[in-house]
Amino acid sequence: MAWTPLESNPEVMNKFLSRLGVPEKWQIVDVLSLDQDMLGLIPRPTLALILLFPSSEKYGKLKEEQEAKILEKGQNISTNVYYLKQRVSNSCGSVALVHSVANNQDEIQLGDGFLKQFLEDIKSMDPDERGEAFENNSSFAIAHQDLAVEGQTEVPSDDNPPIHHFVAFIHKDGELYELDGRKAFPINHGPTTPETFIEDAGKIMMEIMKTDPDNIAFTVCALAAKTD
């Protein structure tokens, strides 16, 4: 099974958030640069950062090395982290948005809708079971497809499949987490705070970008408070 890829386009992504029941006070905005002197332009508070990047062979090797190291040494993962596995091709945009919202329910007061009910239903499930529940939830598939075709870029064909991937970064219980539904587990990148989250996540994203330094097809967006 494969969905049409979601575009890294704030207008499209905000429509998706609205379908999920996210109040208008929270919005997706473009992050123009990860340079330290530009990070101050991102609205505060920022609850999550989402990176869209090319899935290169070098990144695949980095992913394998990272997972092997964690399996050897272990890591601490807060039980409060909402994480689900990605089982549907090209659903990574929706998965990243769900990860961003689900892990910030202390700030985001979800309206009645299918996301609020979904998160309640999967609360006691493991990541694989959550991924299966996501895959089988027609409301996500319909919302994703409706908005994927609204993007400004051409919809990929079978002969020209997408090679990009979305991941979310969130702050939870004093730690910085990378949530990638294609990885074996969440990645704990160490301590952070609401005040330093953007800078700390930016450093990790820069490391990912270094795996393919000649490629300019990286984009970053933030789930942040809406400004007037």
Protein backbone atom coordinates (compact mmCIF):
# COMPACT_ATOMS: atom_id res chain seq x y z
CA MET A 1 0.00 0.00 0.00
CA ALA A 2 1.25 3.51 -0.82
CA TRP A 3 -0.19 6.98 -0.34
CA THR A 4 0.47 10.10 -2.38
CA PRO A 5 3.31 11.97 -0.59
CA LEU A 6 2.40 15.01 1.46
CA GLU A 7 4.17 18.21 0.46
CA SER A 8 6.31 20.22 2.87
CA ASN A 9 3.99 23.17 2.43
CA PRO A 10 2.69 25.04 5.51
CA GLU A 11 -0.65 25.83 3.88
CA VAL A 12 -1.31 22.17 3.11
CA MET A 13 -0.01 20.96 6.46
CA ASN A 14 -2.12 23.47 8.38
CA LYS A 15 -5.22 22.23 6.59
CA PHE A 16 -4.27 18.74 7.69
CA LEU A 17 -3.85 19.91 11.29
CA SER A 18 -7.28 21.52 11.12
CA ARG A 19 -8.75 18.19 10.00
CA LEU A 20 -7.07 16.60 13.02
CA GLY A 21 -8.78 19.04 15.37
CA VAL A 22 -5.75 21.22 16.18
CA PRO A 23 -6.83 24.74 17.26
CA GLU A 24 -5.91 27.66 15.01
CA LYS A 25 -3.58 29.09 17.69
CA TRP A 26 -1.03 26.48 16.53
CA GLN A 27 0.36 26.47 13.01
CA ILE A 28 3.06 25.06 10.77
CA VAL A 29 5.59 27.64 9.58
CA ASP A 30 8.65 27.41 7.35
CA VAL A 31 12.07 27.53 9.00
CA LEU A 32 14.18 29.55 6.59
CA SER A 33 17.57 28.63 8.03
CA LEU A 34 19.18 26.65 10.84
CA ASP A 35 21.91 29.26 11.26
CA GLN A 36 22.06 30.39 14.88
CA ASP A 37 21.35 34.03 14.03
CA MET A 38 18.19 33.02 12.11
CA LEU A 39 16.63 30.70 14.68
CA GLY A 40 15.29 33.67 16.61
CA LEU A 41 12.84 34.30 13.76
CA ILE A 42 10.93 31.11 14.56
CA PRO A 43 7.78 31.86 16.58
CA ARG A 44 7.83 30.82 20.23
CA PRO A 45 6.79 28.60 21.75
CA THR A 46 7.71 25.97 19.19
CA LEU A 47 6.40 22.52 20.06
CA ALA A 48 7.99 20.44 17.29
CA LEU A 49 10.31 20.67 14.32
CA ILE A 50 9.83 18.58 11.19
CA LEU A 51 12.63 17.81 8.76
CA LEU A 52 12.09 16.72 5.16
CA PHE A 53 15.23 15.23 3.66
CA PRO A 54 16.39 13.01 0.78
CA SER A 55 16.63 9.33 1.70
CA SER A 56 20.14 8.73 0.45
CA GLU A 57 22.33 5.65 0.73
CA LYS A 58 24.57 7.57 3.14
CA TYR A 59 21.63 8.30 5.42
CA GLY A 60 20.60 4.64 5.31
CA LYS A 61 24.07 3.69 6.53
CA LEU A 62 23.90 6.30 9.30
CA LYS A 63 20.51 4.93 10.36
CA GLU A 64 21.84 1.37 10.58
CA GLU A 65 24.90 2.45 12.59
CA GLN A 66 22.78 4.54 14.94
CA GLU A 67 20.31 1.74 15.64
CA ALA A 68 23.10 -0.82 16.15
CA LYS A 69 24.84 1.46 18.66
CA ILE A 70 21.62 1.98 20.62
CA LEU A 71 20.86 -1.74 20.64
CA GLU A 72 24.33 -2.34 22.06
CA LYS A 73 24.36 0.43 24.68
CA GLY A 74 20.66 1.02 25.29
CA GLN A 75 18.80 4.29 25.80
CA ASN A 76 16.16 5.75 28.08
CA ILE A 77 12.78 6.51 26.50
CA SER A 78 10.10 8.28 28.50
CA THR A 79 6.87 6.33 28.80
CA ASN A 80 5.13 9.61 27.91
CA VAL A 81 6.48 9.57 24.34
CA TYR A 82 3.81 8.80 21.73
CA TYR A 83 5.45 6.80 18.94
CA LEU A 84 4.04 4.73 16.09
CA LYS A 85 5.69 2.75 13.33
CA GLN A 86 5.18 3.77 9.71
CA ARG A 87 3.66 0.88 7.78
CA VAL A 88 2.32 2.74 4.72
CA SER A 89 4.67 4.05 2.03
CA ASN A 90 4.63 7.86 1.67
CA SER A 91 2.65 8.36 4.89
CA CYS A 92 5.69 9.87 6.63
CA GLY A 93 4.33 13.43 6.39
CA SER A 94 1.15 12.53 8.22
CA VAL A 95 3.04 10.37 10.72
CA ALA A 96 5.39 13.28 11.51
CA LEU A 97 2.44 15.61 12.08
CA VAL A 98 0.70 13.08 14.31
CA HIS A 99 3.93 12.60 16.30
CA SER A 100 4.25 16.39 16.65
CA VAL A 101 0.72 16.86 17.95
CA ALA A 102 0.38 13.70 20.03
CA ASN A 103 3.46 14.53 22.07
CA ASN A 104 2.24 18.02 22.91
CA GLN A 105 -1.25 17.41 24.24
CA ASP A 106 -0.32 19.33 27.38
CA GLU A 107 -0.19 22.44 25.16
CA ILE A 108 -2.56 21.55 22.32
CA GLN A 109 -6.17 21.18 23.35
CA LEU A 110 -7.49 18.92 20.60
CA GLY A 111 -11.04 19.43 19.46
CA ASP A 112 -13.39 16.53 19.05
CA GLY A 113 -12.37 14.56 16.00
CA PHE A 114 -10.70 11.43 14.76
CA LEU A 115 -7.19 12.23 16.10
CA LYS A 116 -8.40 12.77 19.66
CA GLN A 117 -10.28 9.47 19.55
CA PHE A 118 -7.39 7.69 17.81
CA LEU A 119 -4.87 8.76 20.47
CA GLU A 120 -7.21 7.55 23.19
CA ASP A 121 -7.71 4.22 21.43
CA ILE A 122 -3.97 3.53 20.93
CA LYS A 123 -2.81 4.68 24.36
CA SER A 124 -2.06 1.18 25.63
CA MET A 125 -0.71 -0.19 22.32
CA ASP A 126 2.94 -0.74 21.39
CA PRO A 127 4.46 1.15 18.39
CA ASP A 128 3.78 -1.68 15.93
CA GLU A 129 0.15 -1.96 17.00
CA ARG A 130 -0.21 1.81 16.76
CA GLY A 131 1.21 1.72 13.25
CA GLU A 132 -1.29 -0.93 12.26
CA ALA A 133 -4.14 1.10 13.78
CA PHE A 134 -2.98 4.16 11.84
CA GLU A 135 -2.81 2.15 8.61
CA ASN A 136 -6.34 0.85 9.10
CA ASN A 137 -7.86 4.21 10.05
CA SER A 138 -9.64 5.46 6.93
CA SER A 139 -9.97 9.00 8.31
CA PHE A 140 -6.19 9.49 8.14
CA ALA A 141 -5.99 8.04 4.64
CA ILE A 142 -8.79 10.27 3.34
CA ALA A 143 -7.43 13.45 4.96
CA HIS A 144 -3.91 12.70 3.73
CA GLN A 145 -4.99 12.00 0.17
CA ASP A 146 -7.29 15.03 -0.02
CA LEU A 147 -4.47 17.37 0.97
CA ALA A 148 -1.61 15.60 -0.80
CA VAL A 149 -3.18 16.44 -4.16
CA GLU A 150 -3.49 20.12 -3.17
CA GLY A 151 0.28 20.64 -3.16
CA GLN A 152 2.12 22.83 -5.62
CA THR A 153 4.48 20.15 -6.86
CA GLU A 154 3.68 17.41 -9.35
CA VAL A 155 2.40 14.19 -7.83
CA PRO A 156 5.12 11.51 -8.24
CA SER A 157 4.43 8.69 -10.68
CA ASP A 158 5.32 5.02 -10.36
CA ASP A 159 8.22 5.69 -12.74
CA ASN A 160 9.47 8.59 -10.60
CA PRO A 161 8.81 7.63 -6.96
CA PRO A 162 9.53 10.04 -4.09
CA ILE A 163 12.88 9.73 -2.34
CA HIS A 164 12.23 12.10 0.54
CA HIS A 165 11.25 11.43 4.12
CA PHE A 166 9.75 13.39 7.05
CA VAL A 167 10.84 13.03 10.68
CA ALA A 168 9.69 14.94 13.75
CA PHE A 169 11.70 16.29 16.68
CA ILE A 170 10.01 16.94 20.00
CA HIS A 171 10.84 17.85 23.60
CA LYS A 172 9.43 15.47 26.20
CA ASP A 173 10.26 15.23 29.90
CA GLY A 174 13.54 17.10 29.53
CA GLU A 175 14.83 15.10 26.56
CA LEU A 176 15.08 15.71 22.80
CA TYR A 177 13.51 12.93 20.74
CA GLU A 178 13.71 12.13 17.05
CA LEU A 179 10.55 10.33 15.94
CA ASP A 180 10.94 8.49 12.66
CA GLY A 181 8.33 5.83 11.99
CA ARG A 182 10.78 3.90 9.81
CA LYS A 183 13.31 3.46 12.62
CA ALA A 184 13.19 0.64 15.13
CA PHE A 185 12.44 3.01 18.01
CA PRO A 186 12.44 6.68 19.03
CA ILE A 187 15.91 8.22 19.28
CA ASN A 188 16.82 10.05 22.49
CA HIS A 189 19.30 12.79 21.58
CA GLY A 190 19.88 13.91 25.15
CA PRO A 191 18.79 16.74 27.44
CA THR A 192 16.92 19.79 26.21
CA THR A 193 14.54 22.42 27.54
CA PRO A 194 11.66 24.39 26.03
CA GLU A 195 14.06 27.34 25.81
CA THR A 196 16.88 25.46 24.03
CA PHE A 197 14.79 22.94 22.06
CA ILE A 198 15.04 24.73 18.70
CA GLU A 199 18.81 25.13 18.93
CA ASP A 200 19.35 21.57 20.16
CA ALA A 201 17.15 20.01 17.47
CA GLY A 202 18.78 22.24 14.86
CA LYS A 203 22.18 20.73 15.65
CA ILE A 204 20.87 17.20 15.10
CA MET A 205 19.22 18.19 11.82
CA MET A 206 22.47 19.77 10.64
CA GLU A 207 24.22 16.45 11.27
CA ILE A 208 21.64 14.69 9.08
CA MET A 209 22.17 17.29 6.36
CA LYS A 210 25.92 16.60 6.44
CA THR A 211 25.23 13.08 5.16
CA ASP A 212 24.42 14.63 1.78
CA PRO A 213 26.11 18.07 1.79
CA ASP A 214 25.72 18.74 -1.93
CA ASN A 215 21.95 18.20 -1.87
CA ILE A 216 19.78 21.28 -1.33
CA ALA A 217 16.52 19.32 -1.06
CA PHE A 218 16.23 19.71 2.72
CA THR A 219 13.38 21.67 4.26
CA VAL A 220 12.45 22.36 7.88
CA CYS A 221 9.18 23.53 9.35
CA ALA A 222 7.98 24.20 12.88
CA LEU A 223 4.77 23.58 14.80
CA ALA A 224 4.58 26.87 16.67
CA ALA A 225 2.27 29.39 18.25
CA LYS A 226 0.41 31.52 15.71
CA THR A 227 1.56 35.11 15.53
CA ASP A 228 -0.63 38.10 14.67
